[in-house]
Amino acid sequence: MTTSTLTIWHNPRCSKSRQTLALLEERAVALTVRRYLDDPPSLAELREVLSKLNIKASDLVRKKEAVFKELGLADADDDALIEAMATHPKLIERPIVIAEDDAAIGRPPEDVLRLLS
């Protein structure tokens, strides 16, 4: 099991986020809960998480959110998407669990368990 504390970017209104949090709490994982809608990540934090996830911003943004369409982000590049996610954190896919050198999106929640080994 990992010795470092994990951080979850958590939205308590999201069922997948609640399920992921419960899954980690059941395993007594050292965990920091960050309500990212109240405490949005910075541009640098988003870039770091994208690097740990090894994905592009277009893979992390929630395309079905109304603000995605309102801002006309369908053809936006990564920099514009990262800026939009920093300004409008509801655009960030959730939940994200972050370890020291890795991260996972909890969709499905069990996907984050690989961070524990």
PDB file of N, CA and C in Angstrom:
ATOM      1  N   MET A   1       0.842  -1.185   0.000  1.00  0.00           N
ATOM      2  CA  MET A   1       0.000   0.000   0.000  1.00  0.00           C
ATOM      3  C   MET A   1       0.880   1.238   0.000  1.00  0.00           C
ATOM      4  N   THR A   2       0.407   2.262  -0.634  1.00  0.00           N
ATOM      5  CA  THR A   2       1.155   3.507  -0.721  1.00  0.00           C
ATOM      6  C   THR A   2       1.321   4.140   0.674  1.00  0.00           C
ATOM      7  N   THR A   3       2.479   4.757   0.878  1.00  0.00           N
ATOM      8  CA  THR A   3       2.726   5.380   2.178  1.00  0.00           C
ATOM      9  C   THR A   3       2.388   6.867   2.155  1.00  0.00           C
ATOM     10  N   SER A   4       2.292   7.441   0.959  1.00  0.00           N
ATOM     11  CA  SER A   4       1.969   8.859   0.890  1.00  0.00           C
ATOM     12  C   SER A   4       0.456   9.062   0.959  1.00  0.00           C
ATOM     13  N   THR A   5       0.080  10.255   1.331  1.00  0.00           N
ATOM     14  CA  THR A   5      -1.332  10.593   1.399  1.00  0.00           C
ATOM     15  C   THR A   5      -1.861  10.836  -0.006  1.00  0.00           C
ATOM     16  N   LEU A   6      -3.029  10.305  -0.264  1.00  0.00           N
ATOM     17  CA  LEU A   6      -3.705  10.569  -1.527  1.00  0.00           C
ATOM     18  C   LEU A   6      -4.588  11.798  -1.363  1.00  0.00           C
ATOM     19  N   THR A   7      -4.844  12.468  -2.469  1.00  0.00           N
ATOM     20  CA  THR A   7      -5.778  13.588  -2.491  1.00  0.00           C
ATOM     21  C   THR A   7      -6.880  13.246  -3.469  1.00  0.00           C
ATOM     22  N   ILE A   8      -8.114  13.475  -3.062  1.00  0.00           N
ATOM     23  CA  ILE A   8      -9.237  13.291  -3.971  1.00  0.00           C
ATOM     24  C   ILE A   8      -9.852  14.648  -4.256  1.00  0.00           C
ATOM     25  N   TRP A   9      -9.991  14.951  -5.551  1.00  0.00           N
ATOM     26  CA  TRP A   9     -10.763  16.129  -5.949  1.00  0.00           C
ATOM     27  C   TRP A   9     -12.201  15.653  -5.967  1.00  0.00           C
ATOM     28  N   HIS A  10     -12.957  16.110  -4.994  1.00  0.00           N
ATOM     29  CA  HIS A  10     -14.252  15.531  -4.669  1.00  0.00           C
ATOM     30  C   HIS A  10     -15.384  16.528  -4.858  1.00  0.00           C
ATOM     31  N   ASN A  11     -16.483  16.029  -5.416  1.00  0.00           N
ATOM     32  CA  ASN A  11     -17.729  16.785  -5.499  1.00  0.00           C
ATOM     33  C   ASN A  11     -18.783  15.937  -4.785  1.00  0.00           C
ATOM     34  N   PRO A  12     -19.217  16.342  -3.600  1.00  0.00           N
ATOM     35  CA  PRO A  12     -20.160  15.520  -2.835  1.00  0.00           C
ATOM     36  C   PRO A  12     -21.510  15.319  -3.513  1.00  0.00           C
ATOM     37  N   ARG A  13     -21.824  16.109  -4.521  1.00  0.00           N
ATOM     38  CA  ARG A  13     -23.094  15.946  -5.242  1.00  0.00           C
ATOM     39  C   ARG A  13     -23.008  14.885  -6.343  1.00  0.00           C
ATOM     40  N   CYS A  14     -21.803  14.379  -6.602  1.00  0.00           N
ATOM     41  CA  CYS A  14     -21.584  13.400  -7.669  1.00  0.00           C
ATOM     42  C   CYS A  14     -21.539  11.987  -7.086  1.00  0.00           C
ATOM     43  N   SER A  15     -22.360  11.106  -7.614  1.00  0.00           N
ATOM     44  CA  SER A  15     -22.413   9.740  -7.077  1.00  0.00           C
ATOM     45  C   SER A  15     -21.091   8.999  -7.261  1.00  0.00           C
ATOM     46  N   LYS A  16     -20.432   9.156  -8.397  1.00  0.00           N
ATOM     47  CA  LYS A  16     -19.142   8.482  -8.618  1.00  0.00           C
ATOM     48  C   LYS A  16     -18.093   9.012  -7.640  1.00  0.00           C
ATOM     49  N   SER A  17     -18.149  10.282  -7.359  1.00  0.00           N
ATOM     50  CA  SER A  17     -17.215  10.871  -6.410  1.00  0.00           C
ATOM     51  C   SER A  17     -17.468  10.323  -5.000  1.00  0.00           C
ATOM     52  N   ARG A  18     -18.728  10.251  -4.611  1.00  0.00           N
ATOM     53  CA  ARG A  18     -19.065   9.690  -3.294  1.00  0.00           C
ATOM     54  C   ARG A  18     -18.666   8.214  -3.205  1.00  0.00           C
ATOM     55  N   GLN A  19     -18.899   7.462  -4.270  1.00  0.00           N
ATOM     56  CA  GLN A  19     -18.537   6.038  -4.278  1.00  0.00           C
ATOM     57  C   GLN A  19     -17.028   5.856  -4.185  1.00  0.00           C
ATOM     58  N   THR A  20     -16.278   6.684  -4.900  1.00  0.00           N
ATOM     59  CA  THR A  20     -14.823   6.594  -4.863  1.00  0.00           C
ATOM     60  C   THR A  20     -14.300   6.936  -3.477  1.00  0.00           C
ATOM     61  N   LEU A  21     -14.819   7.980  -2.884  1.00  0.00           N
ATOM     62  CA  LEU A  21     -14.417   8.367  -1.535  1.00  0.00           C
ATOM     63  C   LEU A  21     -14.710   7.239  -0.549  1.00  0.00           C
ATOM     64  N   ALA A  22     -15.898   6.653  -0.632  1.00  0.00           N
ATOM     65  CA  ALA A  22     -16.266   5.549   0.267  1.00  0.00           C
ATOM     66  C   ALA A  22     -15.335   4.357   0.077  1.00  0.00           C
ATOM     67  N   LEU A  23     -14.989   4.055  -1.161  1.00  0.00           N
ATOM     68  CA  LEU A  23     -14.098   2.938  -1.465  1.00  0.00           C
ATOM     69  C   LEU A  23     -12.738   3.134  -0.794  1.00  0.00           C
ATOM     70  N   LEU A  24     -12.221   4.352  -0.849  1.00  0.00           N
ATOM     71  CA  LEU A  24     -10.923   4.642  -0.225  1.00  0.00           C
ATOM     72  C   LEU A  24     -11.036   4.664   1.299  1.00  0.00           C
ATOM     73  N   GLU A  25     -12.123   5.218   1.819  1.00  0.00           N
ATOM     74  CA  GLU A  25     -12.307   5.251   3.275  1.00  0.00           C
ATOM     75  C   GLU A  25     -12.458   3.843   3.844  1.00  0.00           C
ATOM     76  N   GLU A  26     -13.117   2.947   3.107  1.00  0.00           N
ATOM     77  CA  GLU A  26     -13.257   1.549   3.554  1.00  0.00           C
ATOM     78  C   GLU A  26     -11.901   0.884   3.716  1.00  0.00           C
ATOM     79  N   ARG A  27     -10.920   1.340   2.953  1.00  0.00           N
ATOM     80  CA  ARG A  27      -9.577   0.768   2.999  1.00  0.00           C
ATOM     81  C   ARG A  27      -8.652   1.550   3.929  1.00  0.00           C
ATOM     82  N   ALA A  28      -9.213   2.489   4.673  1.00  0.00           N
ATOM     83  CA  ALA A  28      -8.465   3.295   5.642  1.00  0.00           C
ATOM     84  C   ALA A  28      -7.243   3.960   5.007  1.00  0.00           C
ATOM     85  N   VAL A  29      -7.434   4.484   3.814  1.00  0.00           N
ATOM     86  CA  VAL A  29      -6.367   5.165   3.097  1.00  0.00           C
ATOM     87  C   VAL A  29      -6.173   6.561   3.676  1.00  0.00           C
ATOM     88  N   ALA A  30      -4.908   6.966   3.860  1.00  0.00           N
ATOM     89  CA  ALA A  30      -4.610   8.344   4.262  1.00  0.00           C
ATOM     90  C   ALA A  30      -5.033   9.241   3.106  1.00  0.00           C
ATOM     91  N   LEU A  31      -5.971  10.139   3.377  1.00  0.00           N
ATOM     92  CA  LEU A  31      -6.634  10.839   2.293  1.00  0.00           C
ATOM     93  C   LEU A  31      -6.910  12.297   2.648  1.00  0.00           C
ATOM     94  N   THR A  32      -6.610  13.175   1.707  1.00  0.00           N
ATOM     95  CA  THR A  32      -7.003  14.572   1.804  1.00  0.00           C
ATOM     96  C   THR A  32      -8.158  14.778   0.839  1.00  0.00           C
ATOM     97  N   VAL A  33      -9.248  15.312   1.329  1.00  0.00           N
ATOM     98  CA  VAL A  33     -10.417  15.568   0.487  1.00  0.00           C
ATOM     99  C   VAL A  33     -10.418  17.042   0.106  1.00  0.00           C
ATOM    100  N   ARG A  34     -10.370  17.280  -1.184  1.00  0.00           N
ATOM    101  CA  ARG A  34     -10.400  18.660  -1.688  1.00  0.00           C
ATOM    102  C   ARG A  34     -11.696  18.851  -2.474  1.00  0.00           C
ATOM    103  N   ARG A  35     -12.535  19.708  -1.970  1.00  0.00           N
ATOM    104  CA  ARG A  35     -13.769  20.046  -2.686  1.00  0.00           C
ATOM    105  C   ARG A  35     -13.387  21.054  -3.759  1.00  0.00           C
ATOM    106  N   TYR A  36     -13.053  20.521  -4.914  1.00  0.00           N
ATOM    107  CA  TYR A  36     -12.458  21.344  -5.956  1.00  0.00           C
ATOM    108  C   TYR A  36     -13.403  22.414  -6.511  1.00  0.00           C
ATOM    109  N   LEU A  37     -14.715  22.272  -6.302  1.00  0.00           N
ATOM    110  CA  LEU A  37     -15.622  23.341  -6.741  1.00  0.00           C
ATOM    111  C   LEU A  37     -15.483  24.562  -5.839  1.00  0.00           C
ATOM    112  N   ASP A  38     -15.173  24.328  -4.552  1.00  0.00           N
ATOM    113  CA  ASP A  38     -14.972  25.418  -3.587  1.00  0.00           C
ATOM    114  C   ASP A  38     -13.532  25.909  -3.583  1.00  0.00           C
ATOM    115  N   ASP A  39     -12.604  25.032  -3.957  1.00  0.00           N
ATOM    116  CA  ASP A  39     -11.168  25.321  -3.950  1.00  0.00           C
ATOM    117  C   ASP A  39     -10.595  24.873  -5.294  1.00  0.00           C
ATOM    118  N   PRO A  40     -10.866  25.633  -6.359  1.00  0.00           N
ATOM    119  CA  PRO A  40     -10.481  25.204  -7.703  1.00  0.00           C
ATOM    120  C   PRO A  40      -8.966  25.069  -7.866  1.00  0.00           C
ATOM    121  N   PRO A  41      -8.554  24.079  -8.638  1.00  0.00           N
ATOM    122  CA  PRO A  41      -7.118  23.920  -8.903  1.00  0.00           C
ATOM    123  C   PRO A  41      -6.608  25.044  -9.806  1.00  0.00           C
ATOM    124  N   SER A  42      -5.348  25.351  -9.637  1.00  0.00           N
ATOM    125  CA  SER A  42      -4.702  26.371 -10.468  1.00  0.00           C
ATOM    126  C   SER A  42      -4.361  25.768 -11.833  1.00  0.00           C
ATOM    127  N   LEU A  43      -3.944  26.622 -12.732  1.00  0.00           N
ATOM    128  CA  LEU A  43      -3.494  26.146 -14.043  1.00  0.00           C
ATOM    129  C   LEU A  43      -2.354  25.147 -13.878  1.00  0.00           C
ATOM    130  N   ALA A  44      -1.408  25.460 -12.994  1.00  0.00           N
ATOM    131  CA  ALA A  44      -0.260  24.564 -12.773  1.00  0.00           C
ATOM    132  C   ALA A  44      -0.709  23.223 -12.211  1.00  0.00           C
ATOM    133  N   GLU A  45      -1.661  23.245 -11.268  1.00  0.00           N
ATOM    134  CA  GLU A  45      -2.159  21.988 -10.702  1.00  0.00           C
ATOM    135  C   GLU A  45      -2.866  21.151 -11.764  1.00  0.00           C
ATOM    136  N   LEU A  46      -3.642  21.797 -12.605  1.00  0.00           N
ATOM    137  CA  LEU A  46      -4.322  21.065 -13.678  1.00  0.00           C
ATOM    138  C   LEU A  46      -3.308  20.440 -14.635  1.00  0.00           C
ATOM    139  N   ARG A  47      -2.283  21.192 -14.996  1.00  0.00           N
ATOM    140  CA  ARG A  47      -1.247  20.656 -15.895  1.00  0.00           C
ATOM    141  C   ARG A  47      -0.532  19.467 -15.244  1.00  0.00           C
ATOM    142  N   GLU A  48      -0.248  19.584 -13.952  1.00  0.00           N
ATOM    143  CA  GLU A  48       0.422  18.495 -13.237  1.00  0.00           C
ATOM    144  C   GLU A  48      -0.453  17.240 -13.203  1.00  0.00           C
ATOM    145  N   VAL A  49      -1.735  17.407 -12.934  1.00  0.00           N
ATOM    146  CA  VAL A  49      -2.656  16.265 -12.891  1.00  0.00           C
ATOM    147  C   VAL A  49      -2.788  15.635 -14.277  1.00  0.00           C
ATOM    148  N   LEU A  50      -2.879  16.455 -15.300  1.00  0.00           N
ATOM    149  CA  LEU A  50      -2.946  15.918 -16.660  1.00  0.00           C
ATOM    150  C   LEU A  50      -1.701  15.097 -16.981  1.00  0.00           C
ATOM    151  N   SER A  51      -0.558  15.578 -16.541  1.00  0.00           N
ATOM    152  CA  SER A  51       0.688  14.844 -16.753  1.00  0.00           C
ATOM    153  C   SER A  51       0.668  13.509 -16.011  1.00  0.00           C
ATOM    154  N   LYS A  52       0.212  13.518 -14.761  1.00  0.00           N
ATOM    155  CA  LYS A  52       0.136  12.281 -13.978  1.00  0.00           C
ATOM    156  C   LYS A  52      -0.868  11.298 -14.569  1.00  0.00           C
ATOM    157  N   LEU A  53      -1.962  11.824 -15.114  1.00  0.00           N
ATOM    158  CA  LEU A  53      -2.976  10.981 -15.745  1.00  0.00           C
ATOM    159  C   LEU A  53      -2.543  10.523 -17.134  1.00  0.00           C
ATOM    160  N   ASN A  54      -1.566  11.240 -17.701  1.00  0.00           N
ATOM    161  CA  ASN A  54      -1.069  10.968 -19.046  1.00  0.00           C
ATOM    162  C   ASN A  54      -2.193  11.089 -20.089  1.00  0.00           C
ATOM    163  N   ILE A  55      -2.972  12.170 -19.948  1.00  0.00           N
ATOM    164  CA  ILE A  55      -4.061  12.441 -20.888  1.00  0.00           C
ATOM    165  C   ILE A  55      -4.017  13.901 -21.295  1.00  0.00           C
ATOM    166  N   LYS A  56      -4.784  14.230 -22.317  1.00  0.00           N
ATOM    167  CA  LYS A  56      -4.913  15.614 -22.770  1.00  0.00           C
ATOM    168  C   LYS A  56      -6.078  16.268 -22.036  1.00  0.00           C
ATOM    169  N   ALA A  57      -6.091  17.582 -22.065  1.00  0.00           N
ATOM    170  CA  ALA A  57      -7.168  18.329 -21.410  1.00  0.00           C
ATOM    171  C   ALA A  57      -8.529  17.945 -21.984  1.00  0.00           C
ATOM    172  N   SER A  58      -8.573  17.645 -23.260  1.00  0.00           N
ATOM    173  CA  SER A  58      -9.846  17.268 -23.887  1.00  0.00           C
ATOM    174  C   SER A  58     -10.395  15.959 -23.319  1.00  0.00           C
ATOM    175  N   ASP A  59      -9.520  15.157 -22.695  1.00  0.00           N
ATOM    176  CA  ASP A  59      -9.961  13.904 -22.070  1.00  0.00           C
ATOM    177  C   ASP A  59     -10.437  14.110 -20.628  1.00  0.00           C
ATOM    178  N   LEU A  60     -10.160  15.282 -20.075  1.00  0.00           N
ATOM    179  CA  LEU A  60     -10.512  15.565 -18.687  1.00  0.00           C
ATOM    180  C   LEU A  60     -11.725  16.488 -18.570  1.00  0.00           C
ATOM    181  N   VAL A  61     -12.031  17.194 -19.634  1.00  0.00           N
ATOM    182  CA  VAL A  61     -13.115  18.167 -19.581  1.00  0.00           C
ATOM    183  C   VAL A  61     -14.462  17.473 -19.770  1.00  0.00           C
ATOM    184  N   ARG A  62     -15.434  17.943 -19.012  1.00  0.00           N
ATOM    185  CA  ARG A  62     -16.803  17.412 -19.098  1.00  0.00           C
ATOM    186  C   ARG A  62     -17.536  18.142 -20.225  1.00  0.00           C
ATOM    187  N   LYS A  63     -17.634  17.481 -21.354  1.00  0.00           N
ATOM    188  CA  LYS A  63     -18.189  18.097 -22.560  1.00  0.00           C
ATOM    189  C   LYS A  63     -19.703  18.276 -22.504  1.00  0.00           C
ATOM    190  N   LYS A  64     -20.373  17.591 -21.595  1.00  0.00           N
ATOM    191  CA  LYS A  64     -21.834  17.701 -21.519  1.00  0.00           C
ATOM    192  C   LYS A  64     -22.301  18.816 -20.584  1.00  0.00           C
ATOM    193  N   GLU A  65     -21.372  19.466 -19.904  1.00  0.00           N
ATOM    194  CA  GLU A  65     -21.734  20.590 -19.037  1.00  0.00           C
ATOM    195  C   GLU A  65     -22.202  21.764 -19.903  1.00  0.00           C
ATOM    196  N   ALA A  66     -23.224  22.453 -19.441  1.00  0.00           N
ATOM    197  CA  ALA A  66     -23.771  23.592 -20.196  1.00  0.00           C
ATOM    198  C   ALA A  66     -22.698  24.644 -20.475  1.00  0.00           C
ATOM    199  N   VAL A  67     -21.832  24.897 -19.499  1.00  0.00           N
ATOM    200  CA  VAL A  67     -20.820  25.940 -19.661  1.00  0.00           C
ATOM    201  C   VAL A  67     -19.833  25.574 -20.780  1.00  0.00           C
ATOM    202  N   PHE A  68     -19.629  24.292 -21.048  1.00  0.00           N
ATOM    203  CA  PHE A  68     -18.765  23.866 -22.146  1.00  0.00           C
ATOM    204  C   PHE A  68     -19.320  24.391 -23.467  1.00  0.00           C
ATOM    205  N   LYS A  69     -20.620  24.214 -23.639  1.00  0.00           N
ATOM    206  CA  LYS A  69     -21.277  24.688 -24.865  1.00  0.00           C
ATOM    207  C   LYS A  69     -21.354  26.215 -24.877  1.00  0.00           C
ATOM    208  N   GLU A  70     -21.678  26.813 -23.725  1.00  0.00           N
ATOM    209  CA  GLU A  70     -21.805  28.273 -23.639  1.00  0.00           C
ATOM    210  C   GLU A  70     -20.497  28.979 -24.004  1.00  0.00           C
ATOM    211  N   LEU A  71     -19.372  28.367 -23.610  1.00  0.00           N
ATOM    212  CA  LEU A  71     -18.069  28.974 -23.882  1.00  0.00           C
ATOM    213  C   LEU A  71     -17.540  28.606 -25.267  1.00  0.00           C
ATOM    214  N   GLY A  72     -18.257  27.752 -25.990  1.00  0.00           N
ATOM    215  CA  GLY A  72     -17.829  27.362 -27.331  1.00  0.00           C
ATOM    216  C   GLY A  72     -16.510  26.620 -27.340  1.00  0.00           C
ATOM    217  N   LEU A  73     -16.362  25.650 -26.441  1.00  0.00           N
ATOM    218  CA  LEU A  73     -15.084  24.967 -26.265  1.00  0.00           C
ATOM    219  C   LEU A  73     -14.892  23.736 -27.148  1.00  0.00           C
ATOM    220  N   ALA A  74     -15.848  23.433 -28.010  1.00  0.00           N
ATOM    221  CA  ALA A  74     -15.775  22.208 -28.813  1.00  0.00           C
ATOM    222  C   ALA A  74     -14.483  22.107 -29.615  1.00  0.00           C
ATOM    223  N   ASP A  75     -13.976  23.220 -30.119  1.00  0.00           N
ATOM    224  CA  ASP A  75     -12.755  23.202 -30.936  1.00  0.00           C
ATOM    225  C   ASP A  75     -11.564  23.835 -30.217  1.00  0.00           C
ATOM    226  N   ALA A  76     -11.670  23.985 -28.903  1.00  0.00           N
ATOM    227  CA  ALA A  76     -10.615  24.650 -28.136  1.00  0.00           C
ATOM    228  C   ALA A  76      -9.374  23.763 -28.021  1.00  0.00           C
ATOM    229  N   ASP A  77      -8.201  24.408 -27.950  1.00  0.00           N
ATOM    230  CA  ASP A  77      -6.962  23.659 -27.742  1.00  0.00           C
ATOM    231  C   ASP A  77      -6.773  23.380 -26.245  1.00  0.00           C
ATOM    232  N   ASP A  78      -5.732  22.608 -25.923  1.00  0.00           N
ATOM    233  CA  ASP A  78      -5.513  22.209 -24.531  1.00  0.00           C
ATOM    234  C   ASP A  78      -5.366  23.408 -23.597  1.00  0.00           C
ATOM    235  N   ASP A  79      -4.622  24.421 -24.030  1.00  0.00           N
ATOM    236  CA  ASP A  79      -4.418  25.586 -23.163  1.00  0.00           C
ATOM    237  C   ASP A  79      -5.745  26.267 -22.830  1.00  0.00           C
ATOM    238  N   ALA A  80      -6.601  26.420 -23.826  1.00  0.00           N
ATOM    239  CA  ALA A  80      -7.908  27.050 -23.600  1.00  0.00           C
ATOM    240  C   ALA A  80      -8.777  26.182 -22.694  1.00  0.00           C
ATOM    241  N   LEU A  81      -8.713  24.867 -22.865  1.00  0.00           N
ATOM    242  CA  LEU A  81      -9.493  23.967 -22.013  1.00  0.00           C
ATOM    243  C   LEU A  81      -9.009  24.001 -20.569  1.00  0.00           C
ATOM    244  N   ILE A  82      -7.701  24.042 -20.384  1.00  0.00           N
ATOM    245  CA  ILE A  82      -7.140  24.100 -19.029  1.00  0.00           C
ATOM    246  C   ILE A  82      -7.557  25.403 -18.352  1.00  0.00           C
ATOM    247  N   GLU A  83      -7.493  26.493 -19.089  1.00  0.00           N
ATOM    248  CA  GLU A  83      -7.942  27.781 -18.536  1.00  0.00           C
ATOM    249  C   GLU A  83      -9.416  27.738 -18.173  1.00  0.00           C
ATOM    250  N   ALA A  84     -10.217  27.142 -19.045  1.00  0.00           N
ATOM    251  CA  ALA A  84     -11.656  27.037 -18.783  1.00  0.00           C
ATOM    252  C   ALA A  84     -11.920  26.192 -17.537  1.00  0.00           C
ATOM    253  N   MET A  85     -11.183  25.094 -17.371  1.00  0.00           N
ATOM    254  CA  MET A  85     -11.370  24.240 -16.192  1.00  0.00           C
ATOM    255  C   MET A  85     -10.942  24.953 -14.916  1.00  0.00           C
ATOM    256  N   ALA A  86      -9.896  25.765 -14.991  1.00  0.00           N
ATOM    257  CA  ALA A  86      -9.451  26.519 -13.812  1.00  0.00           C
ATOM    258  C   ALA A  86     -10.489  27.580 -13.432  1.00  0.00           C
ATOM    259  N   THR A  87     -11.113  28.187 -14.427  1.00  0.00           N
ATOM    260  CA  THR A  87     -12.106  29.227 -14.195  1.00  0.00           C
ATOM    261  C   THR A  87     -13.469  28.645 -13.842  1.00  0.00           C
ATOM    262  N   HIS A  88     -13.795  27.510 -14.445  1.00  0.00           N
ATOM    263  CA  HIS A  88     -15.092  26.845 -14.259  1.00  0.00           C
ATOM    264  C   HIS A  88     -14.830  25.391 -13.845  1.00  0.00           C
ATOM    265  N   PRO A  89     -14.499  25.146 -12.570  1.00  0.00           N
ATOM    266  CA  PRO A  89     -14.087  23.802 -12.146  1.00  0.00           C
ATOM    267  C   PRO A  89     -15.146  22.721 -12.360  1.00  0.00           C
ATOM    268  N   LYS A  90     -16.407  23.106 -12.557  1.00  0.00           N
ATOM    269  CA  LYS A  90     -17.424  22.076 -12.826  1.00  0.00           C
ATOM    270  C   LYS A  90     -17.139  21.365 -14.147  1.00  0.00           C
ATOM    271  N   LEU A  91     -16.246  21.927 -14.977  1.00  0.00           N
ATOM    272  CA  LEU A  91     -15.858  21.295 -16.234  1.00  0.00           C
ATOM    273  C   LEU A  91     -14.891  20.121 -16.035  1.00  0.00           C
ATOM    274  N   ILE A  92     -14.326  19.992 -14.838  1.00  0.00           N
ATOM    275  CA  ILE A  92     -13.333  18.941 -14.578  1.00  0.00           C
ATOM    276  C   ILE A  92     -14.042  17.622 -14.315  1.00  0.00           C
ATOM    277  N   GLU A  93     -13.603  16.590 -15.041  1.00  0.00           N
ATOM    278  CA  GLU A  93     -14.136  15.248 -14.797  1.00  0.00           C
ATOM    279  C   GLU A  93     -13.825  14.864 -13.358  1.00  0.00           C
ATOM    280  N   ARG A  94     -14.708  14.108 -12.748  1.00  0.00           N
ATOM    281  CA  ARG A  94     -14.545  13.768 -11.335  1.00  0.00           C
ATOM    282  C   ARG A  94     -14.925  12.331 -11.085  1.00  0.00           C
ATOM    283  N   PRO A  95     -14.446  11.827 -10.005  1.00  0.00           N
ATOM    284  CA  PRO A  95     -13.426  12.371  -9.110  1.00  0.00           C
ATOM    285  C   PRO A  95     -12.031  12.043  -9.636  1.00  0.00           C
ATOM    286  N   ILE A  96     -11.061  12.789  -9.182  1.00  0.00           N
ATOM    287  CA  ILE A  96      -9.669  12.499  -9.498  1.00  0.00           C
ATOM    288  C   ILE A  96      -8.967  12.208  -8.179  1.00  0.00           C
ATOM    289  N   VAL A  97      -8.245  11.100  -8.146  1.00  0.00           N
ATOM    290  CA  VAL A  97      -7.444  10.760  -6.975  1.00  0.00           C
ATOM    291  C   VAL A  97      -5.987  10.908  -7.385  1.00  0.00           C
ATOM    292  N   ILE A  98      -5.251  11.648  -6.573  1.00  0.00           N
ATOM    293  CA  ILE A  98      -3.882  12.024  -6.919  1.00  0.00           C
ATOM    294  C   ILE A  98      -2.925  11.455  -5.887  1.00  0.00           C
ATOM    295  N   ALA A  99      -1.922  10.744  -6.395  1.00  0.00           N
ATOM    296  CA  ALA A  99      -0.832  10.236  -5.564  1.00  0.00           C
ATOM    297  C   ALA A  99       0.408  11.088  -5.862  1.00  0.00           C
ATOM    298  N   GLU A 100       1.504  10.750  -5.238  1.00  0.00           N
ATOM    299  CA  GLU A 100       2.716  11.541  -5.416  1.00  0.00           C
ATOM    300  C   GLU A 100       3.143  11.619  -6.883  1.00  0.00           C
ATOM    301  N   ASP A 101       3.191  10.470  -7.557  1.00  0.00           N
ATOM    302  CA  ASP A 101       3.673  10.430  -8.940  1.00  0.00           C
ATOM    303  C   ASP A 101       2.644   9.891  -9.924  1.00  0.00           C
ATOM    304  N   ASP A 102       1.404   9.793  -9.530  1.00  0.00           N
ATOM    305  CA  ASP A 102       0.390   9.170 -10.370  1.00  0.00           C
ATOM    306  C   ASP A 102      -0.971   9.765 -10.014  1.00  0.00           C
ATOM    307  N   ALA A 103      -1.953   9.461 -10.833  1.00  0.00           N
ATOM    308  CA  ALA A 103      -3.326   9.906 -10.572  1.00  0.00           C
ATOM    309  C   ALA A 103      -4.263   8.977 -11.330  1.00  0.00           C
ATOM    310  N   ALA A 104      -5.522   8.971 -10.915  1.00  0.00           N
ATOM    311  CA  ALA A 104      -6.538   8.156 -11.577  1.00  0.00           C
ATOM    312  C   ALA A 104      -7.882   8.859 -11.469  1.00  0.00           C
ATOM    313  N   ILE A 105      -8.691   8.669 -12.497  1.00  0.00           N
ATOM    314  CA  ILE A 105     -10.051   9.168 -12.485  1.00  0.00           C
ATOM    315  C   ILE A 105     -10.943   8.036 -11.997  1.00  0.00           C
ATOM    316  N   GLY A 106     -11.817   8.326 -11.046  1.00  0.00           N
ATOM    317  CA  GLY A 106     -12.680   7.305 -10.450  1.00  0.00           C
ATOM    318  C   GLY A 106     -13.912   7.005 -11.275  1.00  0.00           C
ATOM    319  N   ARG A 107     -13.734   6.646 -12.509  1.00  0.00           N
ATOM    320  CA  ARG A 107     -14.830   6.263 -13.407  1.00  0.00           C
ATOM    321  C   ARG A 107     -14.425   5.006 -14.135  1.00  0.00           C
ATOM    322  N   PRO A 108     -14.757   3.863 -13.628  1.00  0.00           N
ATOM    323  CA  PRO A 108     -15.515   3.576 -12.415  1.00  0.00           C
ATOM    324  C   PRO A 108     -14.653   3.780 -11.164  1.00  0.00           C
ATOM    325  N   PRO A 109     -15.278   3.854 -10.004  1.00  0.00           N
ATOM    326  CA  PRO A 109     -14.533   4.109  -8.774  1.00  0.00           C
ATOM    327  C   PRO A 109     -13.364   3.142  -8.553  1.00  0.00           C
ATOM    328  N   GLU A 110     -13.508   1.904  -8.952  1.00  0.00           N
ATOM    329  CA  GLU A 110     -12.454   0.901  -8.736  1.00  0.00           C
ATOM    330  C   GLU A 110     -11.160   1.235  -9.472  1.00  0.00           C
ATOM    331  N   ASP A 111     -11.229   2.108 -10.465  1.00  0.00           N
ATOM    332  CA  ASP A 111     -10.021   2.478 -11.206  1.00  0.00           C
ATOM    333  C   ASP A 111      -8.957   3.117 -10.314  1.00  0.00           C
ATOM    334  N   VAL A 112      -9.357   3.702  -9.203  1.00  0.00           N
ATOM    335  CA  VAL A 112      -8.386   4.367  -8.332  1.00  0.00           C
ATOM    336  C   VAL A 112      -7.612   3.378  -7.454  1.00  0.00           C
ATOM    337  N   LEU A 113      -8.073   2.150  -7.372  1.00  0.00           N
ATOM    338  CA  LEU A 113      -7.436   1.175  -6.492  1.00  0.00           C
ATOM    339  C   LEU A 113      -6.003   0.854  -6.929  1.00  0.00           C
ATOM    340  N   ARG A 114      -5.691   1.053  -8.199  1.00  0.00           N
ATOM    341  CA  ARG A 114      -4.326   0.779  -8.653  1.00  0.00           C
ATOM    342  C   ARG A 114      -3.307   1.705  -7.984  1.00  0.00           C
ATOM    343  N   LEU A 115      -3.776   2.839  -7.482  1.00  0.00           N
ATOM    344  CA  LEU A 115      -2.870   3.766  -6.788  1.00  0.00           C
ATOM    345  C   LEU A 115      -2.444   3.240  -5.421  1.00  0.00           C
ATOM    346  N   LEU A 116      -3.117   2.228  -4.929  1.00  0.00           N
ATOM    347  CA  LEU A 116      -2.846   1.711  -3.583  1.00  0.00           C
ATOM    348  C   LEU A 116      -1.739   0.672  -3.565  1.00  0.00           C
ATOM    349  N   SER A 117      -1.335   0.186  -4.728  1.00  0.00           N
ATOM    350  CA  SER A 117      -0.311  -0.869  -4.738  1.00  0.00           C
ATOM    351  C   SER A 117       1.089  -0.329  -4.850  1.00  0.00           C
TER     352      SER A 117
END
